[in-house]
Amino acid sequence: MVKSAAKAKLARARCRAMKKAGVGIFAKKKLSDKLSAVCGGKNNIPRTQVTKLMWKYIKKNKLNKGRTIKPDKTLGAVLGGGKIDMLKMAKKISKHLK
């Protein structure tokens, strides 16, 4: 149990260091205009922040029912027109990041 706590502490420290340095999943990405519209007009943010802002938009506009997301016009420009499972959202978002 002691080793497990030490590993967790080390992992948290690495995560903080990566976030501060802006590398890995915390590296800033250029957003497409369509994705930027969903994310509040921001153009250069990390993928982790994109995911948070997408969910904020989805919940604010009540576009999900459980795992299923039914996009409105703005979100549909990023995810496509029909219903989509939340686990497939990341693949659709990737096309709008550089």
N, C-alpha and C. Protein backbone atom coordinates (compact mmCIF):
# COMPACT_ATOMS: atom_id res chain seq x y z
N MET A 1 0.81 -1.19 0.00
CA MET A 1 0.00 0.00 0.00
C MET A 1 0.86 1.26 0.00
N VAL A 2 2.00 1.19 0.63
CA VAL A 2 2.90 2.34 0.67
C VAL A 2 3.45 2.62 -0.72
N LYS A 3 3.81 1.57 -1.46
CA LYS A 3 4.32 1.75 -2.82
C LYS A 3 3.25 2.39 -3.70
N SER A 4 2.03 1.97 -3.54
CA SER A 4 0.93 2.50 -4.34
C SER A 4 0.73 4.00 -4.10
N ALA A 5 0.80 4.42 -2.87
CA ALA A 5 0.66 5.85 -2.54
C ALA A 5 1.82 6.64 -3.10
N ALA A 6 3.01 6.08 -3.06
CA ALA A 6 4.19 6.76 -3.60
C ALA A 6 4.08 6.91 -5.12
N LYS A 7 3.59 5.86 -5.79
CA LYS A 7 3.41 5.92 -7.24
C LYS A 7 2.37 6.97 -7.62
N ALA A 8 1.30 7.04 -6.85
CA ALA A 8 0.25 8.01 -7.12
C ALA A 8 0.78 9.43 -6.95
N LYS A 9 1.57 9.64 -5.93
CA LYS A 9 2.15 10.95 -5.67
C LYS A 9 3.08 11.35 -6.81
N LEU A 10 3.89 10.40 -7.27
CA LEU A 10 4.80 10.65 -8.38
C LEU A 10 4.03 10.95 -9.67
N ALA A 11 2.94 10.23 -9.90
CA ALA A 11 2.12 10.45 -11.09
C ALA A 11 1.49 11.84 -11.07
N ARG A 12 1.01 12.27 -9.92
CA ARG A 12 0.43 13.62 -9.81
C ARG A 12 1.48 14.68 -10.08
N ALA A 13 2.70 14.46 -9.58
CA ALA A 13 3.79 15.42 -9.80
C ALA A 13 4.14 15.49 -11.29
N ARG A 14 4.19 14.35 -11.96
CA ARG A 14 4.47 14.32 -13.41
C ARG A 14 3.38 15.04 -14.19
N CYS A 15 2.15 14.81 -13.79
CA CYS A 15 1.02 15.45 -14.45
C CYS A 15 1.09 16.96 -14.31
N ARG A 16 1.41 17.44 -13.12
CA ARG A 16 1.53 18.89 -12.91
C ARG A 16 2.66 19.46 -13.75
N ALA A 17 3.78 18.72 -13.83
CA ALA A 17 4.92 19.18 -14.62
C ALA A 17 4.57 19.25 -16.11
N MET A 18 3.85 18.24 -16.61
CA MET A 18 3.43 18.23 -18.02
C MET A 18 2.49 19.39 -18.30
N LYS A 19 1.58 19.65 -17.38
CA LYS A 19 0.62 20.73 -17.56
C LYS A 19 1.33 22.08 -17.60
N LYS A 20 2.29 22.25 -16.70
CA LYS A 20 3.03 23.51 -16.64
C LYS A 20 3.87 23.70 -17.91
N ALA A 21 4.48 22.62 -18.41
CA ALA A 21 5.32 22.71 -19.60
C ALA A 21 4.50 22.76 -20.89
N GLY A 22 3.23 22.35 -20.82
CA GLY A 22 2.39 22.35 -22.02
C GLY A 22 2.77 21.27 -23.01
N VAL A 23 3.03 20.08 -22.53
CA VAL A 23 3.40 18.96 -23.40
C VAL A 23 2.40 17.82 -23.24
N GLY A 24 2.47 16.86 -24.14
CA GLY A 24 1.58 15.70 -24.08
C GLY A 24 0.14 16.10 -24.34
N ILE A 25 -0.77 15.63 -23.52
CA ILE A 25 -2.18 15.96 -23.71
C ILE A 25 -2.48 17.41 -23.35
N PHE A 26 -1.52 18.09 -22.72
CA PHE A 26 -1.69 19.48 -22.35
C PHE A 26 -1.10 20.45 -23.37
N ALA A 27 -0.61 19.92 -24.49
CA ALA A 27 -0.05 20.77 -25.55
C ALA A 27 -1.18 21.54 -26.22
N LYS A 28 -0.94 22.80 -26.49
CA LYS A 28 -1.97 23.64 -27.12
C LYS A 28 -2.15 23.24 -28.58
N LYS A 29 -3.40 23.22 -29.01
CA LYS A 29 -3.76 22.85 -30.38
C LYS A 29 -4.52 24.01 -31.02
N LYS A 30 -4.40 24.11 -32.32
CA LYS A 30 -5.14 25.11 -33.08
C LYS A 30 -6.51 24.53 -33.41
N LEU A 31 -7.57 25.25 -33.07
CA LEU A 31 -8.94 24.79 -33.29
C LEU A 31 -9.47 25.30 -34.63
N SER A 32 -10.30 24.51 -35.27
CA SER A 32 -10.98 24.97 -36.48
C SER A 32 -11.99 26.04 -36.08
N ASP A 33 -12.47 26.79 -37.05
CA ASP A 33 -13.45 27.84 -36.77
C ASP A 33 -14.73 27.27 -36.19
N LYS A 34 -15.16 26.10 -36.69
CA LYS A 34 -16.39 25.48 -36.20
C LYS A 34 -16.26 25.05 -34.75
N LEU A 35 -15.13 24.44 -34.41
CA LEU A 35 -14.91 24.01 -33.03
C LEU A 35 -14.71 25.21 -32.12
N SER A 36 -14.07 26.23 -32.62
CA SER A 36 -13.86 27.45 -31.85
C SER A 36 -15.20 28.09 -31.46
N ALA A 37 -16.18 28.01 -32.34
CA ALA A 37 -17.50 28.57 -32.05
C ALA A 37 -18.15 27.84 -30.88
N VAL A 38 -17.95 26.55 -30.79
CA VAL A 38 -18.51 25.76 -29.68
C VAL A 38 -17.75 26.04 -28.38
N CYS A 39 -16.44 26.26 -28.50
CA CYS A 39 -15.58 26.45 -27.32
C CYS A 39 -15.49 27.90 -26.88
N GLY A 40 -16.40 28.72 -27.27
CA GLY A 40 -16.43 30.10 -26.79
C GLY A 40 -15.48 31.04 -27.50
N GLY A 41 -15.12 30.75 -28.73
CA GLY A 41 -14.27 31.65 -29.50
C GLY A 41 -12.78 31.51 -29.23
N LYS A 42 -12.39 30.53 -28.44
CA LYS A 42 -10.97 30.32 -28.16
C LYS A 42 -10.35 29.56 -29.33
N ASN A 43 -9.12 29.94 -29.72
CA ASN A 43 -8.50 29.36 -30.90
C ASN A 43 -7.33 28.44 -30.62
N ASN A 44 -6.69 28.57 -29.47
CA ASN A 44 -5.47 27.84 -29.21
C ASN A 44 -5.47 27.34 -27.77
N ILE A 45 -6.03 26.13 -27.55
CA ILE A 45 -6.14 25.58 -26.19
C ILE A 45 -5.80 24.09 -26.21
N PRO A 46 -5.45 23.50 -25.05
CA PRO A 46 -5.16 22.07 -24.99
C PRO A 46 -6.41 21.21 -25.20
N ARG A 47 -6.18 19.99 -25.64
CA ARG A 47 -7.28 19.04 -25.88
C ARG A 47 -8.12 18.82 -24.62
N THR A 48 -7.48 18.81 -23.47
CA THR A 48 -8.22 18.60 -22.22
C THR A 48 -9.23 19.72 -22.00
N GLN A 49 -8.83 20.94 -22.30
CA GLN A 49 -9.71 22.09 -22.14
C GLN A 49 -10.83 22.06 -23.19
N VAL A 50 -10.52 21.58 -24.40
CA VAL A 50 -11.54 21.46 -25.45
C VAL A 50 -12.65 20.53 -24.97
N THR A 51 -12.27 19.41 -24.39
CA THR A 51 -13.26 18.45 -23.90
C THR A 51 -14.14 19.07 -22.82
N LYS A 52 -13.53 19.79 -21.88
CA LYS A 52 -14.30 20.44 -20.82
C LYS A 52 -15.28 21.46 -21.39
N LEU A 53 -14.82 22.27 -22.35
CA LEU A 53 -15.68 23.29 -22.93
C LEU A 53 -16.81 22.68 -23.77
N MET A 54 -16.51 21.56 -24.45
CA MET A 54 -17.54 20.86 -25.24
C MET A 54 -18.65 20.38 -24.30
N TRP A 55 -18.28 19.75 -23.19
CA TRP A 55 -19.28 19.25 -22.25
C TRP A 55 -20.05 20.39 -21.59
N LYS A 56 -19.37 21.50 -21.34
CA LYS A 56 -20.06 22.67 -20.79
C LYS A 56 -21.13 23.14 -21.76
N TYR A 57 -20.81 23.19 -23.06
CA TYR A 57 -21.76 23.60 -24.09
C TYR A 57 -22.93 22.61 -24.19
N ILE A 58 -22.60 21.32 -24.18
CA ILE A 58 -23.62 20.28 -24.30
C ILE A 58 -24.60 20.35 -23.12
N LYS A 59 -24.07 20.48 -21.93
CA LYS A 59 -24.95 20.51 -20.74
C LYS A 59 -25.75 21.81 -20.66
N LYS A 60 -25.13 22.93 -21.03
CA LYS A 60 -25.82 24.22 -20.99
C LYS A 60 -27.03 24.21 -21.93
N ASN A 61 -26.87 23.59 -23.09
CA ASN A 61 -27.95 23.56 -24.08
C ASN A 61 -28.79 22.29 -24.00
N LYS A 62 -28.55 21.46 -22.98
CA LYS A 62 -29.31 20.22 -22.75
C LYS A 62 -29.38 19.34 -24.01
N LEU A 63 -28.19 19.03 -24.54
CA LEU A 63 -28.12 18.26 -25.79
C LEU A 63 -27.84 16.78 -25.55
N ASN A 64 -27.68 16.35 -24.30
CA ASN A 64 -27.42 14.93 -24.06
C ASN A 64 -28.53 14.29 -23.26
N LYS A 65 -28.69 13.02 -23.52
CA LYS A 65 -29.61 12.19 -22.74
C LYS A 65 -28.82 10.92 -22.44
N GLY A 66 -28.25 10.87 -21.25
CA GLY A 66 -27.36 9.76 -20.91
C GLY A 66 -26.09 9.88 -21.73
N ARG A 67 -25.72 8.80 -22.41
CA ARG A 67 -24.51 8.78 -23.24
C ARG A 67 -24.73 9.33 -24.63
N THR A 68 -25.97 9.55 -25.02
CA THR A 68 -26.28 9.98 -26.37
C THR A 68 -26.34 11.50 -26.45
N ILE A 69 -25.65 12.03 -27.45
CA ILE A 69 -25.64 13.47 -27.68
C ILE A 69 -26.40 13.75 -28.97
N LYS A 70 -27.36 14.66 -28.89
CA LYS A 70 -28.11 15.07 -30.08
C LYS A 70 -27.72 16.52 -30.38
N PRO A 71 -26.79 16.72 -31.33
CA PRO A 71 -26.24 18.05 -31.58
C PRO A 71 -27.24 19.04 -32.15
N ASP A 72 -27.09 20.31 -31.76
CA ASP A 72 -27.83 21.38 -32.40
C ASP A 72 -27.03 21.81 -33.64
N LYS A 73 -27.42 22.90 -34.27
CA LYS A 73 -26.77 23.31 -35.52
C LYS A 73 -25.28 23.61 -35.32
N THR A 74 -24.94 24.34 -34.27
CA THR A 74 -23.55 24.72 -34.02
C THR A 74 -22.69 23.49 -33.71
N LEU A 75 -23.16 22.65 -32.81
CA LEU A 75 -22.42 21.45 -32.44
C LEU A 75 -22.42 20.44 -33.59
N GLY A 76 -23.49 20.42 -34.36
CA GLY A 76 -23.57 19.52 -35.51
C GLY A 76 -22.51 19.78 -36.55
N ALA A 77 -22.03 21.03 -36.64
CA ALA A 77 -20.96 21.36 -37.58
C ALA A 77 -19.66 20.65 -37.21
N VAL A 78 -19.52 20.31 -35.94
CA VAL A 78 -18.32 19.62 -35.47
C VAL A 78 -18.53 18.10 -35.42
N LEU A 79 -19.65 17.67 -34.85
CA LEU A 79 -19.89 16.24 -34.63
C LEU A 79 -20.68 15.55 -35.74
N GLY A 80 -21.28 16.30 -36.62
CA GLY A 80 -22.15 15.71 -37.62
C GLY A 80 -23.60 15.90 -37.20
N GLY A 81 -24.51 15.64 -38.11
CA GLY A 81 -25.91 15.96 -37.87
C GLY A 81 -26.67 15.03 -36.96
N GLY A 82 -26.39 13.74 -36.99
CA GLY A 82 -27.20 12.79 -36.23
C GLY A 82 -26.74 12.60 -34.81
N LYS A 83 -27.47 11.76 -34.09
CA LYS A 83 -27.11 11.43 -32.71
C LYS A 83 -25.77 10.73 -32.69
N ILE A 84 -25.04 10.93 -31.61
CA ILE A 84 -23.72 10.32 -31.49
C ILE A 84 -23.51 9.88 -30.04
N ASP A 85 -22.82 8.76 -29.86
CA ASP A 85 -22.46 8.28 -28.54
C ASP A 85 -21.30 9.13 -28.01
N MET A 86 -21.31 9.43 -26.73
CA MET A 86 -20.29 10.31 -26.15
C MET A 86 -18.87 9.76 -26.31
N LEU A 87 -18.73 8.43 -26.40
CA LEU A 87 -17.41 7.84 -26.53
C LEU A 87 -16.83 8.03 -27.93
N LYS A 88 -17.65 8.38 -28.90
CA LYS A 88 -17.18 8.62 -30.26
C LYS A 88 -16.92 10.10 -30.52
N MET A 89 -17.21 10.93 -29.53
CA MET A 89 -17.05 12.37 -29.68
C MET A 89 -15.58 12.76 -29.89
N ALA A 90 -14.65 12.12 -29.19
CA ALA A 90 -13.23 12.47 -29.28
C ALA A 90 -12.70 12.29 -30.71
N LYS A 91 -13.13 11.26 -31.39
CA LYS A 91 -12.67 11.01 -32.76
C LYS A 91 -13.16 12.13 -33.69
N LYS A 92 -14.38 12.57 -33.49
CA LYS A 92 -14.93 13.65 -34.32
C LYS A 92 -14.22 14.98 -34.04
N ILE A 93 -13.87 15.21 -32.77
CA ILE A 93 -13.19 16.45 -32.40
C ILE A 93 -11.79 16.49 -32.98
N SER A 94 -11.11 15.35 -33.03
CA SER A 94 -9.73 15.28 -33.51
C SER A 94 -9.58 15.87 -34.91
N LYS A 95 -10.59 15.75 -35.73
CA LYS A 95 -10.53 16.27 -37.09
C LYS A 95 -10.48 17.79 -37.11
N HIS A 96 -10.84 18.43 -36.02
CA HIS A 96 -10.88 19.89 -35.94
C HIS A 96 -9.72 20.48 -35.16
N LEU A 97 -8.72 19.64 -34.80
CA LEU A 97 -7.55 20.09 -34.07
C LEU A 97 -6.29 19.92 -34.91
N LYS A 98 -5.37 20.88 -34.81
CA LYS A 98 -4.09 20.79 -35.51
C LYS A 98 -2.97 21.11 -34.55
